[in-house]
Structures are given as structure tokens and as C-alpha cells.
Amino acid sequence: MPAYWLTYKPLSPTSPRGWPAADLTALVERFEADPRGTTTLWRIASHQSAKIGDRIFIFKQGANPRGVFGVGQIVEAPRLQPDPADVDKQPRNRAKIQFDALVDPSREFLIGFEIINEIVPQSLIDAQASGNAVPSQVAEKLEAYLNPAIFTKESISSNQADTLVFDPDSIDDQRERSFRAICVRRGQAEFRASLLEAYGRRCAITGCAVEDVLEAAHITPYLGPLTNHVTNGLLLRSDLHTLFDCGLLAVEPEARKVVIAETLSSSSYAKLNGRLLRAPKKETESPSKRNLEKCYASFKRGRGALGN
């Protein structure tokens, strides 16, 4: 997938065309309140080649500290237009972008400069124009470093799915909906394929090898291509995937043991409590500890682990 290197430089006496820090802070706050709905305009030099769906990485320039603090995709093709929020209100080639992850660079980065300096060409690091193309091999390395996500999983209550009224006159339509739902639940094709390969086509908890019931479960919920990384996934039997998404089952991040909610203590799932998570074939494809920690913390707040 094509990717572009967007740049941000704080407004200062030496950077009169930079962004006011307060404006960027407000953008981060909007994102934290509405991750899926936050968009903004950004200058992009490669406006003739950039297209909707292309990846973007946002890099803080200027004085240290420096690093990547945002990642997302283009949702509106670049065109010549002014940005009322920009200090320079002249029409420039700008694209509308949507974020998968965004943090305040005055406090933290998604990727620090020591890593950037190892994998990103100096021509991009020193580029004065925002929106230059990123070589595909560099983009792949950036994606790997960006995998640890910053959002926690929300629990789903048992009655949230019980909202449809059965209509005997629409059985065919319901069958079509069910088929589509199965396709979605099995996960995005490439994500599921990577997990099937990583776990040897067996459920990471039970070892079940019936491929038709194995699904790609996101540890951190799907928020765009960034979260479709093998280390943000578990290959789970379909019923366990449902329990996982409902906050009734989780994985303790240190020992990598399965924990179930107290409400399942008298069910057949009780025997899974304390079971060691199966390891993938490659250590580099193991679940991200950070993602497991966030998921487990949410689980404990919502349902409570059996025996805790």
C-alpha cells in the first residue's frame, strides 16, 4: 500500500509557518473523544500520486524530541484548498486524513527518533515539504513498530445482540445477513490468514483444528489496517471469540494464561480457566504484551476474573 510522510513543526519565531501547539493539542483531544470520526486537512507534496486509502505517518520536525506521533489514511484526495486552521491560509495541496492512532508529541511518540533514524531515509527526516512518498520497505517496518495500540477493548453486554425481531417473511434476507456476519466474524482475509499460519491452523486456546470455526480475534478492537497485525490477534474458536469480545474471557499477560469471568464459573467453560495460551510458531508473532495488558485491565474492570 502506498504511504506518505507528513510533517509537523511547532509554531515558533524560527518557524513562522508552523502549527500552534494549542491547535495540535485540540486535535489530539478530538481524536481521544472520537477516534473513528476525527479528520483534518494536511499538506501533501505528492498530491498527484496520493489517493484515498493510502497510509500516512506524521513526523514531528524541529527541535528535539522528534518522532512519529500519528498514523492513519487519506480519506479525501488531495486538492488545492485553504485550511482555516492553518497559520498560512493560502490555498495549498491538502488531503483530508483520518487517524488510527494519534498522541500529543509534547508528551510521547508512537515511534521515537532513535528508531526513526535507523529505518527512515535522511531525505524524509530532513524534508521541508510535507507529504513525500515513503518507500514500501520502510512503510512495512514502520507498521511493525506501530502495532502496539492505545485503545482498550469495550465489553459487550449479553443483551446488546438481542435487538432484532424475527420476521418469518424475510428468512432469505436473514440467511444473507447471517452469511455476511460469518464472513466479517472470521476477520479480514489477510489478518485471518496470518493467524492461521502463525498458530498452525489451531485455536490458540483449545487446539481445535476445524478451520471453518476458527476466527481472527483482535486483542485491541479493529481501528483500521494498523490493528490488523498478527501480534494484535488470536486465532480463536468462534464461541471463544464471542466470549473474548464480550469481556467474559481474557488472557493474563504475564503468565499468558486464560481467565474467565465469574459468571462462567458453573459453565462448561470453567475448565478453560488457567489454561496456558498456545504459542505461535514464531516468537516474533506472539501477542503483544501491551495489548494483552490493556485488554486484561478492561476485563478485570468489567467482569472480574474467576478466583480474583
C-alpha atoms as a PDB file:
ATOM      1  CA  MET A   1       0.000   0.000   0.000  1.00  0.00           C
ATOM      2  CA  PRO A   2       1.400   3.467  -0.894  1.00  0.00           C
ATOM      3  CA  ALA A   3       2.359   5.590   2.127  1.00  0.00           C
ATOM      4  CA  TYR A   4       3.288   9.231   2.700  1.00  0.00           C
ATOM      5  CA  TRP A   5       5.437  11.065   5.257  1.00  0.00           C
ATOM      6  CA  LEU A   6       3.539  14.051   6.663  1.00  0.00           C
ATOM      7  CA  THR A   7       5.382  16.547   8.812  1.00  0.00           C
ATOM      8  CA  TYR A   8       4.538  18.828  11.728  1.00  0.00           C
ATOM      9  CA  LYS A   9       6.685  21.666  13.041  1.00  0.00           C
ATOM     10  CA  PRO A  10       5.553  23.708  16.058  1.00  0.00           C
ATOM     11  CA  LEU A  11       4.994  27.412  15.522  1.00  0.00           C
ATOM     12  CA  SER A  12       7.991  29.409  16.759  1.00  0.00           C
ATOM     13  CA  PRO A  13       9.971  32.551  15.867  1.00  0.00           C
ATOM     14  CA  THR A  14      12.184  30.397  13.642  1.00  0.00           C
ATOM     15  CA  SER A  15       9.185  28.511  12.164  1.00  0.00           C
ATOM     16  CA  PRO A  16       6.562  31.178  11.434  1.00  0.00           C
ATOM     17  CA  ARG A  17       4.571  28.765   9.245  1.00  0.00           C
ATOM     18  CA  GLY A  18       4.426  26.031  11.893  1.00  0.00           C
ATOM     19  CA  TRP A  19       1.351  24.807  13.785  1.00  0.00           C
ATOM     20  CA  PRO A  20       0.358  26.472  17.059  1.00  0.00           C
ATOM     21  CA  ALA A  21       0.817  23.859  19.792  1.00  0.00           C
ATOM     22  CA  ALA A  22      -2.677  24.590  21.141  1.00  0.00           C
ATOM     23  CA  ASP A  23      -4.231  23.636  17.787  1.00  0.00           C
ATOM     24  CA  LEU A  24      -2.480  20.267  17.759  1.00  0.00           C
ATOM     25  CA  THR A  25      -3.479  19.642  21.388  1.00  0.00           C
ATOM     26  CA  ALA A  26      -7.097  20.329  20.428  1.00  0.00           C
ATOM     27  CA  LEU A  27      -6.820  17.862  17.528  1.00  0.00           C
ATOM     28  CA  VAL A  28      -5.475  15.154  19.855  1.00  0.00           C
ATOM     29  CA  GLU A  29      -8.325  15.816  22.301  1.00  0.00           C
ATOM     30  CA  ARG A  30     -10.862  15.489  19.476  1.00  0.00           C
ATOM     31  CA  PHE A  31      -9.299  12.180  18.486  1.00  0.00           C
ATOM     32  CA  GLU A  32      -9.366  10.866  22.060  1.00  0.00           C
ATOM     33  CA  ALA A  33     -13.064  11.738  22.291  1.00  0.00           C
ATOM     34  CA  ASP A  34     -13.968  10.331  18.852  1.00  0.00           C
ATOM     35  CA  PRO A  35     -11.192   8.116  17.388  1.00  0.00           C
ATOM     36  CA  ARG A  36     -13.162   6.942  14.368  1.00  0.00           C
ATOM     37  CA  GLY A  37     -14.646  10.313  13.447  1.00  0.00           C
ATOM     38  CA  THR A  38     -11.682  12.680  13.713  1.00  0.00           C
ATOM     39  CA  THR A  39     -10.325  14.047  10.420  1.00  0.00           C
ATOM     40  CA  THR A  40      -8.224  17.044   9.448  1.00  0.00           C
ATOM     41  CA  LEU A  41      -6.568  18.591   6.416  1.00  0.00           C
ATOM     42  CA  TRP A  42      -2.812  18.182   5.910  1.00  0.00           C
ATOM     43  CA  ARG A  43      -0.450  19.460   3.268  1.00  0.00           C
ATOM     44  CA  ILE A  44       0.819  16.821   0.886  1.00  0.00           C
ATOM     45  CA  ALA A  45       3.566  17.442  -1.657  1.00  0.00           C
ATOM     46  CA  SER A  46       2.930  14.250  -3.658  1.00  0.00           C
ATOM     47  CA  HIS A  47      -0.609  15.381  -4.439  1.00  0.00           C
ATOM     48  CA  GLN A  48      -0.635  13.909  -7.945  1.00  0.00           C
ATOM     49  CA  SER A  49       0.048  10.349  -6.784  1.00  0.00           C
ATOM     50  CA  ALA A  50      -1.633  10.218  -3.345  1.00  0.00           C
ATOM     51  CA  LYS A  51      -5.070   8.602  -3.315  1.00  0.00           C
ATOM     52  CA  ILE A  52      -7.871   7.731  -0.937  1.00  0.00           C
ATOM     53  CA  GLY A  53      -6.866   4.795   1.254  1.00  0.00           C
ATOM     54  CA  ASP A  54      -3.118   5.476   1.164  1.00  0.00           C
ATOM     55  CA  ARG A  55      -1.308   5.328   4.520  1.00  0.00           C
ATOM     56  CA  ILE A  56       0.139   8.384   6.261  1.00  0.00           C
ATOM     57  CA  PHE A  57       2.728   8.754   9.014  1.00  0.00           C
ATOM     58  CA  ILE A  58       3.049  12.089  10.834  1.00  0.00           C
ATOM     59  CA  PHE A  59       6.524  13.118  11.958  1.00  0.00           C
ATOM     60  CA  LYS A  60       7.394  15.955  14.348  1.00  0.00           C
ATOM     61  CA  GLN A  61      10.248  18.031  12.953  1.00  0.00           C
ATOM     62  CA  GLY A  62      12.219  20.871  14.524  1.00  0.00           C
ATOM     63  CA  ALA A  63      13.974  20.792  17.856  1.00  0.00           C
ATOM     64  CA  ASN A  64      14.165  17.577  19.852  1.00  0.00           C
ATOM     65  CA  PRO A  65      12.360  15.494  20.815  1.00  0.00           C
ATOM     66  CA  ARG A  66      11.307  14.200  17.402  1.00  0.00           C
ATOM     67  CA  GLY A  67       9.343  11.158  16.306  1.00  0.00           C
ATOM     68  CA  VAL A  68       6.204   9.761  14.682  1.00  0.00           C
ATOM     69  CA  PHE A  69       3.088  10.667  16.652  1.00  0.00           C
ATOM     70  CA  GLY A  70       0.279   9.901  14.204  1.00  0.00           C
ATOM     71  CA  VAL A  71      -0.731   7.257  11.690  1.00  0.00           C
ATOM     72  CA  GLY A  72      -3.834   6.859   9.536  1.00  0.00           C
ATOM     73  CA  GLN A  73      -5.043   7.064   5.972  1.00  0.00           C
ATOM     74  CA  ILE A  74      -6.175   9.530   3.335  1.00  0.00           C
ATOM     75  CA  VAL A  75      -9.981   9.751   3.210  1.00  0.00           C
ATOM     76  CA  GLU A  76     -10.314  12.601   0.706  1.00  0.00           C
ATOM     77  CA  ALA A  77      -7.974  13.003  -2.261  1.00  0.00           C
ATOM     78  CA  PRO A  78      -5.538  15.936  -2.248  1.00  0.00           C
ATOM     79  CA  ARG A  79      -6.664  19.142  -3.914  1.00  0.00           C
ATOM     80  CA  LEU A  80      -5.801  22.798  -3.876  1.00  0.00           C
ATOM     81  CA  GLN A  81      -7.679  24.287  -0.929  1.00  0.00           C
ATOM     82  CA  PRO A  82      -7.208  26.624   2.044  1.00  0.00           C
ATOM     83  CA  ASP A  83      -7.279  25.402   5.634  1.00  0.00           C
ATOM     84  CA  PRO A  84      -8.876  27.925   8.032  1.00  0.00           C
ATOM     85  CA  ALA A  85      -6.985  26.299  10.924  1.00  0.00           C
ATOM     86  CA  ASP A  86      -3.606  26.824   9.254  1.00  0.00           C
ATOM     87  CA  VAL A  87      -1.498  29.895  10.057  1.00  0.00           C
ATOM     88  CA  ASP A  88      -0.825  30.101   6.318  1.00  0.00           C
ATOM     89  CA  LYS A  89      -4.375  30.373   4.967  1.00  0.00           C
ATOM     90  CA  GLN A  90      -3.286  30.335   1.327  1.00  0.00           C
ATOM     91  CA  PRO A  91      -4.654  27.552  -0.893  1.00  0.00           C
ATOM     92  CA  ARG A  92      -2.273  24.597  -0.806  1.00  0.00           C
ATOM     93  CA  ASN A  93      -2.499  20.984  -1.922  1.00  0.00           C
ATOM     94  CA  ARG A  94      -4.107  19.348   1.088  1.00  0.00           C
ATOM     95  CA  ALA A  95      -5.641  15.925   1.712  1.00  0.00           C
ATOM     96  CA  LYS A  96      -8.166  15.017   4.373  1.00  0.00           C
ATOM     97  CA  ILE A  97      -6.774  12.371   6.697  1.00  0.00           C
ATOM     98  CA  GLN A  98      -8.297  10.097   9.343  1.00  0.00           C
ATOM     99  CA  PHE A  99      -6.305   8.658  12.232  1.00  0.00           C
ATOM    100  CA  ASP A 100      -5.771   5.139  13.515  1.00  0.00           C
ATOM    101  CA  ALA A 101      -3.562   6.451  16.322  1.00  0.00           C
ATOM    102  CA  LEU A 102      -2.606   9.951  17.432  1.00  0.00           C
ATOM    103  CA  VAL A 103      -0.749  11.171  20.532  1.00  0.00           C
ATOM    104  CA  ASP A 104       0.485  14.542  21.775  1.00  0.00           C
ATOM    105  CA  PRO A 105       4.155  14.848  20.664  1.00  0.00           C
ATOM    106  CA  SER A 106       4.882  17.188  23.566  1.00  0.00           C
ATOM    107  CA  ARG A 107       4.375  14.162  25.851  1.00  0.00           C
ATOM    108  CA  GLU A 108       5.065  10.984  23.856  1.00  0.00           C
ATOM    109  CA  PHE A 109       5.585   9.365  20.462  1.00  0.00           C
ATOM    110  CA  LEU A 110       4.327   6.252  18.731  1.00  0.00           C
ATOM    111  CA  ILE A 111       7.874   5.738  17.402  1.00  0.00           C
ATOM    112  CA  GLY A 112      10.864   7.518  18.910  1.00  0.00           C
ATOM    113  CA  PHE A 113      13.592   9.176  16.882  1.00  0.00           C
ATOM    114  CA  GLU A 114      16.226   6.554  17.692  1.00  0.00           C
ATOM    115  CA  ILE A 115      14.172   4.025  15.717  1.00  0.00           C
ATOM    116  CA  ILE A 116      13.193   6.520  13.017  1.00  0.00           C
ATOM    117  CA  ASN A 117      16.863   7.317  12.475  1.00  0.00           C
ATOM    118  CA  GLU A 118      17.600   3.635  11.813  1.00  0.00           C
ATOM    119  CA  ILE A 119      14.899   2.865   9.274  1.00  0.00           C
ATOM    120  CA  VAL A 120      13.773   6.131   7.616  1.00  0.00           C
ATOM    121  CA  PRO A 121      15.889   7.737   4.856  1.00  0.00           C
ATOM    122  CA  GLN A 122      17.562  11.002   5.854  1.00  0.00           C
ATOM    123  CA  SER A 123      15.877  12.656   2.877  1.00  0.00           C
ATOM    124  CA  LEU A 124      12.485  12.146   4.557  1.00  0.00           C
ATOM    125  CA  ILE A 125      13.705  13.128   8.017  1.00  0.00           C
ATOM    126  CA  ASP A 126      15.102  16.411   6.659  1.00  0.00           C
ATOM    127  CA  ALA A 127      12.338  17.064   4.101  1.00  0.00           C
ATOM    128  CA  GLN A 128      10.929  20.574   4.240  1.00  0.00           C
ATOM    129  CA  ALA A 129       7.779  19.664   2.301  1.00  0.00           C
ATOM    130  CA  SER A 130       5.056  17.571   3.945  1.00  0.00           C
ATOM    131  CA  GLY A 131       3.661  14.556   2.127  1.00  0.00           C
ATOM    132  CA  ASN A 132       6.521  12.808   0.341  1.00  0.00           C
ATOM    133  CA  ALA A 133       6.243   9.145  -0.640  1.00  0.00           C
ATOM    134  CA  VAL A 134       7.599   6.520   1.773  1.00  0.00           C
ATOM    135  CA  PRO A 135       9.441   3.510   0.258  1.00  0.00           C
ATOM    136  CA  SER A 136       7.357   0.354   0.705  1.00  0.00           C
ATOM    137  CA  GLN A 137      10.024  -1.487   2.724  1.00  0.00           C
ATOM    138  CA  VAL A 138      10.280   1.483   5.102  1.00  0.00           C
ATOM    139  CA  ALA A 139       6.489   1.643   5.478  1.00  0.00           C
ATOM    140  CA  GLU A 140       6.426  -2.066   6.388  1.00  0.00           C
ATOM    141  CA  LYS A 141       8.997  -1.528   9.145  1.00  0.00           C
ATOM    142  CA  LEU A 142       7.074   1.477  10.478  1.00  0.00           C
ATOM    143  CA  GLU A 143       3.869  -0.570  10.603  1.00  0.00           C
ATOM    144  CA  ALA A 144       5.623  -3.265  12.619  1.00  0.00           C
ATOM    145  CA  TYR A 145       6.815  -0.734  15.194  1.00  0.00           C
ATOM    146  CA  LEU A 146       3.429   0.987  15.315  1.00  0.00           C
ATOM    147  CA  ASN A 147       1.455  -2.147  16.133  1.00  0.00           C
ATOM    148  CA  PRO A 148       1.048  -1.567  19.911  1.00  0.00           C
ATOM    149  CA  ALA A 149      -2.283   0.270  20.010  1.00  0.00           C
ATOM    150  CA  ILE A 150      -3.520   2.793  22.526  1.00  0.00           C
ATOM    151  CA  PHE A 151      -7.174   1.873  22.940  1.00  0.00           C
ATOM    152  CA  THR A 152      -8.798  -0.599  25.305  1.00  0.00           C
ATOM    153  CA  LYS A 153     -11.446  -3.166  24.482  1.00  0.00           C
ATOM    154  CA  GLU A 154     -15.030  -2.354  25.482  1.00  0.00           C
ATOM    155  CA  SER A 155     -17.205  -5.117  26.913  1.00  0.00           C
ATOM    156  CA  ILE A 156     -20.394  -6.159  25.132  1.00  0.00           C
ATOM    157  CA  SER A 157     -23.393  -6.928  27.317  1.00  0.00           C
ATOM    158  CA  SER A 158     -25.360 -10.117  26.791  1.00  0.00           C
ATOM    159  CA  ASN A 159     -28.491  -8.305  25.615  1.00  0.00           C
ATOM    160  CA  GLN A 160     -26.856  -5.990  23.073  1.00  0.00           C
ATOM    161  CA  ALA A 161     -27.279  -8.556  20.294  1.00  0.00           C
ATOM    162  CA  ASP A 162     -30.921  -9.280  21.146  1.00  0.00           C
ATOM    163  CA  THR A 163     -32.435  -6.342  19.311  1.00  0.00           C
ATOM    164  CA  LEU A 164     -33.791  -7.851  16.096  1.00  0.00           C
ATOM    165  CA  VAL A 165     -37.386  -9.029  15.853  1.00  0.00           C
ATOM    166  CA  PHE A 166     -37.876 -12.284  13.949  1.00  0.00           C
ATOM    167  CA  ASP A 167     -39.789 -11.836  10.711  1.00  0.00           C
ATOM    168  CA  PRO A 168     -40.839 -15.158   9.101  1.00  0.00           C
ATOM    169  CA  ASP A 169     -41.367 -13.374   5.786  1.00  0.00           C
ATOM    170  CA  SER A 170     -37.711 -12.396   5.498  1.00  0.00           C
ATOM    171  CA  ILE A 171     -35.941 -15.724   6.042  1.00  0.00           C
ATOM    172  CA  ASP A 172     -33.869 -15.398   2.867  1.00  0.00           C
ATOM    173  CA  ASP A 173     -32.772 -11.924   3.864  1.00  0.00           C
ATOM    174  CA  GLN A 174     -31.831 -13.170   7.345  1.00  0.00           C
ATOM    175  CA  ARG A 175     -29.797 -16.005   5.837  1.00  0.00           C
ATOM    176  CA  GLU A 176     -27.902 -13.490   3.711  1.00  0.00           C
ATOM    177  CA  ARG A 177     -27.239 -11.331   6.774  1.00  0.00           C
ATOM    178  CA  SER A 178     -26.009 -14.372   8.676  1.00  0.00           C
ATOM    179  CA  PHE A 179     -23.649 -15.328   5.870  1.00  0.00           C
ATOM    180  CA  ARG A 180     -22.233 -11.794   5.754  1.00  0.00           C
ATOM    181  CA  ALA A 181     -21.859 -11.805   9.531  1.00  0.00           C
ATOM    182  CA  ILE A 182     -19.845 -15.048   9.395  1.00  0.00           C
ATOM    183  CA  CYS A 183     -17.543 -13.510   6.789  1.00  0.00           C
ATOM    184  CA  VAL A 184     -16.965 -10.465   8.984  1.00  0.00           C
ATOM    185  CA  ARG A 185     -16.506 -12.515  12.164  1.00  0.00           C
ATOM    186  CA  ARG A 186     -13.851 -14.656  10.509  1.00  0.00           C
ATOM    187  CA  GLY A 187     -11.851 -11.483  10.206  1.00  0.00           C
ATOM    188  CA  GLN A 188     -10.246  -9.601   7.357  1.00  0.00           C
ATOM    189  CA  ALA A 189      -8.839 -12.157   4.920  1.00  0.00           C
ATOM    190  CA  GLU A 190      -5.132 -11.314   5.227  1.00  0.00           C
ATOM    191  CA  PHE A 191      -5.347 -10.907   9.013  1.00  0.00           C
ATOM    192  CA  ARG A 192      -7.048 -14.288   9.434  1.00  0.00           C
ATOM    193  CA  ALA A 193      -4.618 -15.945   7.023  1.00  0.00           C
ATOM    194  CA  SER A 194      -1.643 -14.642   9.011  1.00  0.00           C
ATOM    195  CA  LEU A 195      -3.124 -16.011  12.248  1.00  0.00           C
ATOM    196  CA  LEU A 196      -3.962 -19.378  10.687  1.00  0.00           C
ATOM    197  CA  GLU A 197      -0.342 -19.678   9.607  1.00  0.00           C
ATOM    198  CA  ALA A 198       1.057 -18.424  12.924  1.00  0.00           C
ATOM    199  CA  TYR A 199      -0.972 -20.862  15.049  1.00  0.00           C
ATOM    200  CA  GLY A 200      -0.702 -23.859  12.758  1.00  0.00           C
ATOM    201  CA  ARG A 201      -4.430 -23.688  11.961  1.00  0.00           C
ATOM    202  CA  ARG A 202      -5.405 -24.493  15.549  1.00  0.00           C
ATOM    203  CA  CYS A 203      -7.286 -22.482  18.146  1.00  0.00           C
ATOM    204  CA  ALA A 204      -4.843 -20.654  20.429  1.00  0.00           C
ATOM    205  CA  ILE A 205      -6.788 -21.849  23.496  1.00  0.00           C
ATOM    206  CA  THR A 206      -8.319 -25.250  22.752  1.00  0.00           C
ATOM    207  CA  GLY A 207      -6.200 -26.526  19.868  1.00  0.00           C
ATOM    208  CA  CYS A 208      -9.357 -27.036  17.781  1.00  0.00           C
ATOM    209  CA  ALA A 209      -8.341 -27.734  14.167  1.00  0.00           C
ATOM    210  CA  VAL A 210     -11.748 -27.318  12.476  1.00  0.00           C
ATOM    211  CA  GLU A 211     -10.799 -24.415  10.233  1.00  0.00           C
ATOM    212  CA  ASP A 212     -14.392 -23.399   9.466  1.00  0.00           C
ATOM    213  CA  VAL A 213     -14.939 -22.355  13.106  1.00  0.00           C
ATOM    214  CA  LEU A 214     -11.617 -20.572  13.605  1.00  0.00           C
ATOM    215  CA  GLU A 215     -11.776 -16.767  13.627  1.00  0.00           C
ATOM    216  CA  ALA A 216      -9.336 -13.878  13.759  1.00  0.00           C
ATOM    217  CA  ALA A 217      -9.882 -12.090  17.067  1.00  0.00           C
ATOM    218  CA  HIS A 218      -8.451  -8.609  17.570  1.00  0.00           C
ATOM    219  CA  ILE A 219      -6.941  -8.061  21.013  1.00  0.00           C
ATOM    220  CA  THR A 220      -7.308  -4.320  20.558  1.00  0.00           C
ATOM    221  CA  PRO A 221     -10.503  -3.695  18.532  1.00  0.00           C
ATOM    222  CA  TYR A 222     -10.234  -3.074  14.800  1.00  0.00           C
ATOM    223  CA  LEU A 223      -9.404   0.583  14.099  1.00  0.00           C
ATOM    224  CA  GLY A 224      -8.029   0.329  10.599  1.00  0.00           C
ATOM    225  CA  PRO A 225      -5.121  -1.505   8.938  1.00  0.00           C
ATOM    226  CA  LEU A 226      -2.770  -0.778  11.833  1.00  0.00           C
ATOM    227  CA  THR A 227      -4.661  -3.157  14.103  1.00  0.00           C
ATOM    228  CA  ASN A 228      -4.575  -5.990  11.537  1.00  0.00           C
ATOM    229  CA  HIS A 229      -1.152  -7.137  12.725  1.00  0.00           C
ATOM    230  CA  VAL A 230      -0.515 -10.730  13.757  1.00  0.00           C
ATOM    231  CA  THR A 231       0.719  -9.590  17.197  1.00  0.00           C
ATOM    232  CA  ASN A 232      -2.650  -7.896  17.790  1.00  0.00           C
ATOM    233  CA  GLY A 233      -4.569 -11.096  17.129  1.00  0.00           C
ATOM    234  CA  LEU A 234      -5.509 -14.504  18.469  1.00  0.00           C
ATOM    235  CA  LEU A 235      -6.843 -17.411  16.437  1.00  0.00           C
ATOM    236  CA  LEU A 236      -9.918 -18.495  18.397  1.00  0.00           C
ATOM    237  CA  ARG A 237     -12.788 -20.933  18.028  1.00  0.00           C
ATOM    238  CA  SER A 238     -15.912 -18.917  17.181  1.00  0.00           C
ATOM    239  CA  ASP A 239     -17.597 -19.319  20.585  1.00  0.00           C
ATOM    240  CA  LEU A 240     -14.426 -18.268  22.397  1.00  0.00           C
ATOM    241  CA  HIS A 241     -14.100 -15.283  20.078  1.00  0.00           C
ATOM    242  CA  THR A 242     -17.588 -14.208  21.175  1.00  0.00           C
ATOM    243  CA  LEU A 243     -16.724 -14.619  24.870  1.00  0.00           C
ATOM    244  CA  PHE A 244     -13.483 -12.691  24.295  1.00  0.00           C
ATOM    245  CA  ASP A 245     -15.304  -9.794  22.607  1.00  0.00           C
ATOM    246  CA  CYS A 246     -17.982  -9.788  25.320  1.00  0.00           C
ATOM    247  CA  GLY A 247     -15.372  -9.395  28.040  1.00  0.00           C
ATOM    248  CA  LEU A 248     -16.101 -12.826  29.520  1.00  0.00           C
ATOM    249  CA  LEU A 249     -12.706 -14.297  28.682  1.00  0.00           C
ATOM    250  CA  ALA A 250      -9.220 -12.799  28.588  1.00  0.00           C
ATOM    251  CA  VAL A 251      -5.532 -13.693  28.757  1.00  0.00           C
ATOM    252  CA  GLU A 252      -3.390 -12.785  31.768  1.00  0.00           C
ATOM    253  CA  PRO A 253      -0.432 -11.000  30.122  1.00  0.00           C
ATOM    254  CA  GLU A 254       2.439 -12.213  32.317  1.00  0.00           C
ATOM    255  CA  ALA A 255       1.792 -15.964  32.500  1.00  0.00           C
ATOM    256  CA  ARG A 256      -0.244 -15.998  29.238  1.00  0.00           C
ATOM    257  CA  LYS A 257      -2.985 -17.992  30.975  1.00  0.00           C
ATOM    258  CA  VAL A 258      -6.681 -17.918  30.110  1.00  0.00           C
ATOM    259  CA  VAL A 259      -9.000 -16.330  32.660  1.00  0.00           C
ATOM    260  CA  ILE A 260     -12.782 -16.440  32.582  1.00  0.00           C
ATOM    261  CA  ALA A 261     -15.411 -14.281  34.245  1.00  0.00           C
ATOM    262  CA  GLU A 262     -17.118 -15.404  37.434  1.00  0.00           C
ATOM    263  CA  THR A 263     -20.416 -15.621  35.557  1.00  0.00           C
ATOM    264  CA  LEU A 264     -18.982 -18.620  33.640  1.00  0.00           C
ATOM    265  CA  SER A 265     -17.796 -20.463  36.761  1.00  0.00           C
ATOM    266  CA  SER A 266     -20.585 -23.056  36.599  1.00  0.00           C
ATOM    267  CA  SER A 267     -20.474 -23.461  32.824  1.00  0.00           C
ATOM    268  CA  SER A 268     -18.520 -25.857  30.633  1.00  0.00           C
ATOM    269  CA  TYR A 269     -16.050 -23.034  30.003  1.00  0.00           C
ATOM    270  CA  ALA A 270     -14.819 -23.172  33.612  1.00  0.00           C
ATOM    271  CA  LYS A 271     -12.315 -25.870  32.604  1.00  0.00           C
ATOM    272  CA  LEU A 272     -10.508 -23.303  30.439  1.00  0.00           C
ATOM    273  CA  ASN A 273      -9.628 -21.121  33.415  1.00  0.00           C
ATOM    274  CA  GLY A 274      -5.856 -21.183  33.953  1.00  0.00           C
ATOM    275  CA  ARG A 275      -5.128 -22.921  30.651  1.00  0.00           C
ATOM    276  CA  LEU A 276      -1.868 -21.767  29.073  1.00  0.00           C
ATOM    277  CA  LEU A 277      -2.254 -19.921  25.773  1.00  0.00           C
ATOM    278  CA  ARG A 278      -0.720 -21.836  22.875  1.00  0.00           C
ATOM    279  CA  ALA A 279       2.350 -20.081  21.464  1.00  0.00           C
ATOM    280  CA  PRO A 280       2.588 -19.305  17.732  1.00  0.00           C
ATOM    281  CA  LYS A 281       5.264 -20.990  15.649  1.00  0.00           C
ATOM    282  CA  LYS A 282       7.441 -17.849  15.625  1.00  0.00           C
ATOM    283  CA  GLU A 283       8.199 -15.858  18.763  1.00  0.00           C
ATOM    284  CA  THR A 284       8.007 -12.634  16.732  1.00  0.00           C
ATOM    285  CA  GLU A 285       4.314 -13.393  16.084  1.00  0.00           C
ATOM    286  CA  SER A 286       3.421 -13.721  19.778  1.00  0.00           C
ATOM    287  CA  PRO A 287       0.600 -11.495  21.088  1.00  0.00           C
ATOM    288  CA  SER A 288       1.745  -8.020  22.072  1.00  0.00           C
ATOM    289  CA  LYS A 289       2.130  -7.830  25.858  1.00  0.00           C
ATOM    290  CA  ARG A 290       0.968  -4.216  25.847  1.00  0.00           C
ATOM    291  CA  ASN A 291      -2.234  -5.079  24.001  1.00  0.00           C
ATOM    292  CA  LEU A 292      -2.892  -8.038  26.321  1.00  0.00           C
ATOM    293  CA  GLU A 293      -2.339  -5.800  29.352  1.00  0.00           C
ATOM    294  CA  LYS A 294      -4.881  -3.244  28.159  1.00  0.00           C
ATOM    295  CA  CYS A 295      -7.398  -5.957  27.296  1.00  0.00           C
ATOM    296  CA  TYR A 296      -6.897  -7.704  30.642  1.00  0.00           C
ATOM    297  CA  ALA A 297      -7.259  -4.450  32.594  1.00  0.00           C
ATOM    298  CA  SER A 298     -10.561  -3.780  30.814  1.00  0.00           C
ATOM    299  CA  PHE A 299     -11.703  -7.363  31.538  1.00  0.00           C
ATOM    300  CA  LYS A 300     -10.993  -7.012  35.268  1.00  0.00           C
ATOM    301  CA  ARG A 301     -12.842  -3.705  35.445  1.00  0.00           C
ATOM    302  CA  GLY A 302     -15.843  -5.045  33.578  1.00  0.00           C
ATOM    303  CA  ARG A 303     -16.476  -8.661  34.625  1.00  0.00           C
ATOM    304  CA  GLY A 304     -13.832  -9.774  37.125  1.00  0.00           C
ATOM    305  CA  ALA A 305     -11.669 -12.843  36.787  1.00  0.00           C
ATOM    306  CA  LEU A 306     -12.677 -16.171  38.335  1.00  0.00           C
ATOM    307  CA  GLY A 307     -10.928 -16.563  41.665  1.00  0.00           C
ATOM    308  CA  ASN A 308      -9.817 -12.888  41.884  1.00  0.00           C
END
